[in-house]
Each structure stands twice: as structure tokens, then as C-alpha cells.
Amino acid sequence: MLKKFLCLLLLIGMLTGCNKNSEKSIVKSLNKKLEDNKAYKLKGDLEITNNDDVYNYEITASFKKDNYYRIELTNKANSHTQVILKNESGVYVITHQSTQL
């Protein structure tokens, strides 16, 4: 649901400046398009502030109908990658294993 809301918010922001349609017609059109989508992919940056520490991540989120998704988080400081995967078998968190000892 959060994914749909973020997509809807982004699309509303882009379309309100470019169209003369009413807000209701835009929202209705976007909701229909979201319901008809079978999959989508988003890329973005995430900044997490914890007291005085700031962490920056590059995020790629992919969604497929039937609530399958894959979220890849890459720490920009050390290139550490973590993947959250949901498929028909369950939800998995995969972290990079270093080959150095």
C-alpha cells in the first residue's frame, strides 16, 4: 500500500503542473493505472539521521503483481548491499558476505 501511495504522490505532483484536468480526474486516472500495473521499478536515495550520524543509501525497489517485491539497499559510504526479497516461498533478507578474513 505504501508503494502505491508513493507512486500516486509522485505522479500527482508531476501531472498537476502539466494538465488542466481537475484533481479528482487525475487521482481517478492514476488509481486505475496503478491497479492495471503488473510491475514497476523505483530508484532513489535514502538519508537516515540517527542523532549526529547520517547514513546515505541508494535504493532500488521492484514490485510485481501478487505482492512480490525486491528491495536493494546499498550504503554509499562502504558499498555494503542488503537485499529484501519476497516471493512465493516467503520473505528473505540477504546480506553481502565479505571474502576477506
N, C-alpha and C. Protein backbone atom coordinates (compact mmCIF):
# COMPACT_ATOMS: atom_id res chain seq x y z
N MET A 1 0.82 -1.18 0.00
CA MET A 1 0.00 0.00 0.00
C MET A 1 0.87 1.26 0.00
N LEU A 2 1.98 1.20 0.75
CA LEU A 2 2.89 2.34 0.80
C LEU A 2 3.49 2.61 -0.57
N LYS A 3 3.78 1.55 -1.28
CA LYS A 3 4.37 1.70 -2.62
C LYS A 3 3.38 2.41 -3.55
N LYS A 4 2.11 2.03 -3.46
CA LYS A 4 1.09 2.66 -4.29
C LYS A 4 0.94 4.13 -3.94
N PHE A 5 0.98 4.43 -2.65
CA PHE A 5 0.82 5.81 -2.21
C PHE A 5 1.98 6.67 -2.71
N LEU A 6 3.22 6.16 -2.61
CA LEU A 6 4.37 6.93 -3.07
C LEU A 6 4.32 7.17 -4.58
N CYS A 7 3.94 6.16 -5.33
CA CYS A 7 3.80 6.32 -6.78
C CYS A 7 2.71 7.33 -7.10
N LEU A 8 1.61 7.23 -6.41
CA LEU A 8 0.49 8.15 -6.64
C LEU A 8 0.90 9.58 -6.31
N LEU A 9 1.59 9.78 -5.22
CA LEU A 9 2.04 11.11 -4.83
C LEU A 9 3.00 11.69 -5.85
N LEU A 10 3.92 10.90 -6.32
CA LEU A 10 4.88 11.34 -7.34
C LEU A 10 4.17 11.71 -8.63
N LEU A 11 3.27 10.88 -9.08
CA LEU A 11 2.57 11.14 -10.33
C LEU A 11 1.64 12.35 -10.22
N ILE A 12 0.99 12.52 -9.09
CA ILE A 12 0.13 13.70 -8.91
C ILE A 12 0.97 14.96 -8.98
N GLY A 13 2.12 14.94 -8.35
CA GLY A 13 3.00 16.10 -8.38
C GLY A 13 3.45 16.45 -9.77
N MET A 14 3.76 15.45 -10.57
CA MET A 14 4.21 15.70 -11.93
C MET A 14 3.06 16.17 -12.82
N LEU A 15 1.89 15.60 -12.65
CA LEU A 15 0.78 15.91 -13.55
C LEU A 15 0.03 17.19 -13.21
N THR A 16 0.05 17.61 -11.98
CA THR A 16 -0.72 18.81 -11.63
C THR A 16 -0.16 20.06 -12.29
N GLY A 17 1.12 20.10 -12.55
CA GLY A 17 1.69 21.26 -13.22
C GLY A 17 1.57 21.20 -14.73
N CYS A 18 1.26 20.06 -15.28
CA CYS A 18 1.26 19.88 -16.73
C CYS A 18 -0.14 19.77 -17.34
N ASN A 19 -1.16 19.54 -16.55
CA ASN A 19 -2.51 19.30 -17.07
C ASN A 19 -3.48 20.35 -16.58
N LYS A 20 -4.56 20.50 -17.32
CA LYS A 20 -5.65 21.37 -16.89
C LYS A 20 -6.80 20.55 -16.33
N ASN A 21 -6.58 19.24 -16.15
CA ASN A 21 -7.62 18.38 -15.59
C ASN A 21 -7.80 18.67 -14.11
N SER A 22 -8.95 18.30 -13.60
CA SER A 22 -9.21 18.51 -12.18
C SER A 22 -8.44 17.48 -11.35
N GLU A 23 -8.28 17.78 -10.08
CA GLU A 23 -7.55 16.89 -9.19
C GLU A 23 -8.24 15.53 -9.09
N LYS A 24 -9.57 15.55 -9.03
CA LYS A 24 -10.31 14.29 -8.92
C LYS A 24 -10.11 13.40 -10.14
N SER A 25 -10.12 13.99 -11.33
CA SER A 25 -9.95 13.17 -12.54
C SER A 25 -8.53 12.61 -12.62
N ILE A 26 -7.57 13.38 -12.15
CA ILE A 26 -6.17 12.90 -12.15
C ILE A 26 -6.02 11.73 -11.19
N VAL A 27 -6.56 11.88 -9.98
CA VAL A 27 -6.45 10.81 -8.98
C VAL A 27 -7.16 9.56 -9.47
N LYS A 28 -8.33 9.72 -10.06
CA LYS A 28 -9.08 8.57 -10.58
C LYS A 28 -8.29 7.86 -11.68
N SER A 29 -7.70 8.63 -12.58
CA SER A 29 -6.91 8.07 -13.67
C SER A 29 -5.67 7.34 -13.14
N LEU A 30 -5.01 7.96 -12.17
CA LEU A 30 -3.80 7.33 -11.61
C LEU A 30 -4.14 6.05 -10.84
N ASN A 31 -5.23 6.06 -10.10
CA ASN A 31 -5.64 4.85 -9.38
C ASN A 31 -5.91 3.71 -10.35
N LYS A 32 -6.54 4.01 -11.48
CA LYS A 32 -6.81 2.98 -12.48
C LYS A 32 -5.50 2.44 -13.04
N LYS A 33 -4.57 3.34 -13.35
CA LYS A 33 -3.28 2.90 -13.89
C LYS A 33 -2.51 2.05 -12.88
N LEU A 34 -2.55 2.42 -11.60
CA LEU A 34 -1.87 1.63 -10.58
C LEU A 34 -2.49 0.24 -10.44
N GLU A 35 -3.81 0.17 -10.52
CA GLU A 35 -4.47 -1.13 -10.42
C GLU A 35 -4.16 -2.01 -11.62
N ASP A 36 -3.98 -1.41 -12.79
CA ASP A 36 -3.71 -2.17 -14.01
C ASP A 36 -2.24 -2.58 -14.15
N ASN A 37 -1.35 -1.93 -13.39
CA ASN A 37 0.07 -2.27 -13.48
C ASN A 37 0.34 -3.68 -13.01
N LYS A 38 1.23 -4.35 -13.70
CA LYS A 38 1.65 -5.69 -13.30
C LYS A 38 2.96 -5.64 -12.55
N ALA A 39 3.76 -4.60 -12.81
CA ALA A 39 5.06 -4.46 -12.14
C ALA A 39 5.57 -3.04 -12.31
N TYR A 40 6.47 -2.67 -11.42
CA TYR A 40 7.16 -1.39 -11.58
C TYR A 40 8.49 -1.44 -10.85
N LYS A 41 9.35 -0.47 -11.15
CA LYS A 41 10.67 -0.39 -10.54
C LYS A 41 10.95 1.06 -10.20
N LEU A 42 11.44 1.30 -8.98
CA LEU A 42 11.75 2.63 -8.50
C LEU A 42 13.21 2.69 -8.06
N LYS A 43 13.83 3.83 -8.28
CA LYS A 43 15.19 4.06 -7.80
C LYS A 43 15.20 5.37 -7.04
N GLY A 44 16.00 5.44 -5.98
CA GLY A 44 16.06 6.67 -5.21
C GLY A 44 17.18 6.64 -4.19
N ASP A 45 17.27 7.73 -3.46
CA ASP A 45 18.26 7.88 -2.40
C ASP A 45 17.55 8.01 -1.07
N LEU A 46 18.14 7.43 -0.03
CA LEU A 46 17.57 7.46 1.31
C LEU A 46 18.63 8.01 2.25
N GLU A 47 18.23 8.97 3.07
CA GLU A 47 19.14 9.53 4.07
C GLU A 47 18.53 9.27 5.44
N ILE A 48 19.28 8.59 6.30
CA ILE A 48 18.82 8.28 7.65
C ILE A 48 19.68 9.07 8.62
N THR A 49 19.03 9.83 9.51
CA THR A 49 19.75 10.59 10.52
C THR A 49 19.47 9.95 11.88
N ASN A 50 20.55 9.58 12.56
CA ASN A 50 20.46 8.97 13.87
C ASN A 50 21.36 9.78 14.80
N ASN A 51 20.76 10.65 15.60
CA ASN A 51 21.49 11.61 16.43
C ASN A 51 22.40 12.45 15.53
N ASP A 52 23.71 12.31 15.67
CA ASP A 52 24.63 13.10 14.84
C ASP A 52 25.12 12.32 13.62
N ASP A 53 24.76 11.06 13.51
CA ASP A 53 25.21 10.24 12.39
C ASP A 53 24.21 10.32 11.23
N VAL A 54 24.74 10.41 10.02
CA VAL A 54 23.90 10.43 8.83
C VAL A 54 24.35 9.28 7.93
N TYR A 55 23.40 8.46 7.51
CA TYR A 55 23.67 7.32 6.63
C TYR A 55 22.96 7.56 5.31
N ASN A 56 23.67 7.37 4.21
CA ASN A 56 23.10 7.55 2.88
C ASN A 56 23.06 6.22 2.15
N TYR A 57 21.91 5.91 1.59
CA TYR A 57 21.70 4.65 0.86
C TYR A 57 21.15 4.94 -0.52
N GLU A 58 21.54 4.10 -1.45
CA GLU A 58 20.94 4.08 -2.78
C GLU A 58 19.97 2.91 -2.77
N ILE A 59 18.72 3.16 -3.18
CA ILE A 59 17.68 2.13 -3.09
C ILE A 59 17.10 1.84 -4.46
N THR A 60 16.91 0.55 -4.75
CA THR A 60 16.18 0.11 -5.92
C THR A 60 15.07 -0.81 -5.43
N ALA A 61 13.83 -0.47 -5.74
CA ALA A 61 12.69 -1.27 -5.32
C ALA A 61 11.94 -1.74 -6.55
N SER A 62 11.70 -3.04 -6.63
CA SER A 62 10.95 -3.64 -7.73
C SER A 62 9.72 -4.32 -7.14
N PHE A 63 8.59 -4.15 -7.81
CA PHE A 63 7.34 -4.75 -7.34
C PHE A 63 6.69 -5.50 -8.50
N LYS A 64 6.17 -6.67 -8.21
CA LYS A 64 5.46 -7.47 -9.20
C LYS A 64 4.11 -7.85 -8.61
N LYS A 65 3.10 -7.91 -9.46
CA LYS A 65 1.75 -8.24 -9.01
C LYS A 65 1.77 -9.48 -8.12
N ASP A 66 0.79 -9.62 -7.28
CA ASP A 66 0.69 -10.67 -6.26
C ASP A 66 1.62 -10.39 -5.08
N ASN A 67 2.00 -9.11 -4.91
CA ASN A 67 2.80 -8.66 -3.77
C ASN A 67 4.18 -9.30 -3.67
N TYR A 68 4.82 -9.51 -4.80
CA TYR A 68 6.22 -9.92 -4.81
C TYR A 68 7.06 -8.66 -4.93
N TYR A 69 8.14 -8.58 -4.17
CA TYR A 69 8.98 -7.41 -4.28
C TYR A 69 10.44 -7.75 -3.98
N ARG A 70 11.32 -6.82 -4.40
CA ARG A 70 12.75 -6.93 -4.16
C ARG A 70 13.25 -5.52 -3.88
N ILE A 71 13.84 -5.32 -2.71
CA ILE A 71 14.38 -4.02 -2.33
C ILE A 71 15.87 -4.18 -2.10
N GLU A 72 16.65 -3.39 -2.81
CA GLU A 72 18.10 -3.44 -2.67
C GLU A 72 18.58 -2.12 -2.07
N LEU A 73 19.29 -2.22 -0.94
CA LEU A 73 19.82 -1.05 -0.26
C LEU A 73 21.34 -1.11 -0.32
N THR A 74 21.97 -0.06 -0.84
CA THR A 74 23.42 -0.01 -0.91
C THR A 74 23.91 1.21 -0.14
N ASN A 75 24.75 0.96 0.87
CA ASN A 75 25.33 2.03 1.65
C ASN A 75 26.35 2.76 0.78
N LYS A 76 26.18 4.07 0.62
CA LYS A 76 27.07 4.83 -0.26
C LYS A 76 28.48 4.95 0.31
N ALA A 77 28.62 4.89 1.63
CA ALA A 77 29.94 5.07 2.25
C ALA A 77 30.84 3.86 2.07
N ASN A 78 30.29 2.65 2.20
CA ASN A 78 31.14 1.45 2.15
C ASN A 78 30.68 0.42 1.12
N SER A 79 29.70 0.75 0.32
CA SER A 79 29.17 -0.13 -0.74
C SER A 79 28.61 -1.44 -0.21
N HIS A 80 28.25 -1.50 1.06
CA HIS A 80 27.62 -2.69 1.62
C HIS A 80 26.19 -2.78 1.10
N THR A 81 25.81 -3.94 0.58
CA THR A 81 24.49 -4.12 -0.03
C THR A 81 23.67 -5.12 0.76
N GLN A 82 22.39 -4.81 0.90
CA GLN A 82 21.44 -5.71 1.55
C GLN A 82 20.21 -5.79 0.67
N VAL A 83 19.67 -6.99 0.51
CA VAL A 83 18.50 -7.21 -0.34
C VAL A 83 17.38 -7.81 0.51
N ILE A 84 16.19 -7.24 0.36
CA ILE A 84 14.98 -7.79 0.99
C ILE A 84 14.14 -8.33 -0.16
N LEU A 85 13.82 -9.61 -0.10
CA LEU A 85 13.14 -10.29 -1.20
C LEU A 85 11.89 -10.99 -0.67
N LYS A 86 10.77 -10.76 -1.34
CA LYS A 86 9.54 -11.50 -1.01
C LYS A 86 9.07 -12.20 -2.28
N ASN A 87 8.95 -13.52 -2.18
CA ASN A 87 8.43 -14.30 -3.29
C ASN A 87 7.43 -15.32 -2.74
N GLU A 88 7.07 -16.31 -3.54
CA GLU A 88 6.06 -17.27 -3.10
C GLU A 88 6.52 -18.11 -1.91
N SER A 89 7.83 -18.20 -1.67
CA SER A 89 8.35 -19.00 -0.57
C SER A 89 8.41 -18.26 0.76
N GLY A 90 8.41 -16.94 0.72
CA GLY A 90 8.50 -16.16 1.96
C GLY A 90 9.27 -14.87 1.76
N VAL A 91 9.69 -14.29 2.88
CA VAL A 91 10.45 -13.05 2.87
C VAL A 91 11.87 -13.36 3.33
N TYR A 92 12.85 -12.86 2.59
CA TYR A 92 14.26 -13.14 2.88
C TYR A 92 15.03 -11.83 2.95
N VAL A 93 16.03 -11.79 3.84
CA VAL A 93 16.97 -10.68 3.92
C VAL A 93 18.33 -11.25 3.59
N ILE A 94 18.93 -10.73 2.52
CA ILE A 94 20.21 -11.25 2.05
C ILE A 94 21.25 -10.15 2.23
N THR A 95 22.32 -10.47 2.94
CA THR A 95 23.39 -9.50 3.15
C THR A 95 24.65 -9.99 2.48
N HIS A 96 25.47 -9.04 2.08
CA HIS A 96 26.72 -9.35 1.42
C HIS A 96 27.67 -10.01 2.41
N GLN A 97 28.32 -11.07 1.98
CA GLN A 97 29.29 -11.75 2.83
C GLN A 97 30.67 -11.40 2.30
N SER A 98 31.50 -10.83 3.15
CA SER A 98 32.84 -10.43 2.76
C SER A 98 33.73 -11.66 2.58
N THR A 99 34.60 -11.60 1.56
CA THR A 99 35.51 -12.72 1.31
C THR A 99 36.84 -12.52 2.04
N GLN A 100 37.04 -11.34 2.66
CA GLN A 100 38.27 -11.09 3.40
C GLN A 100 38.14 -11.66 4.82
N LEU A 101 39.24 -12.16 5.34
CA LEU A 101 39.25 -12.68 6.70
C LEU A 101 39.98 -11.75 7.63
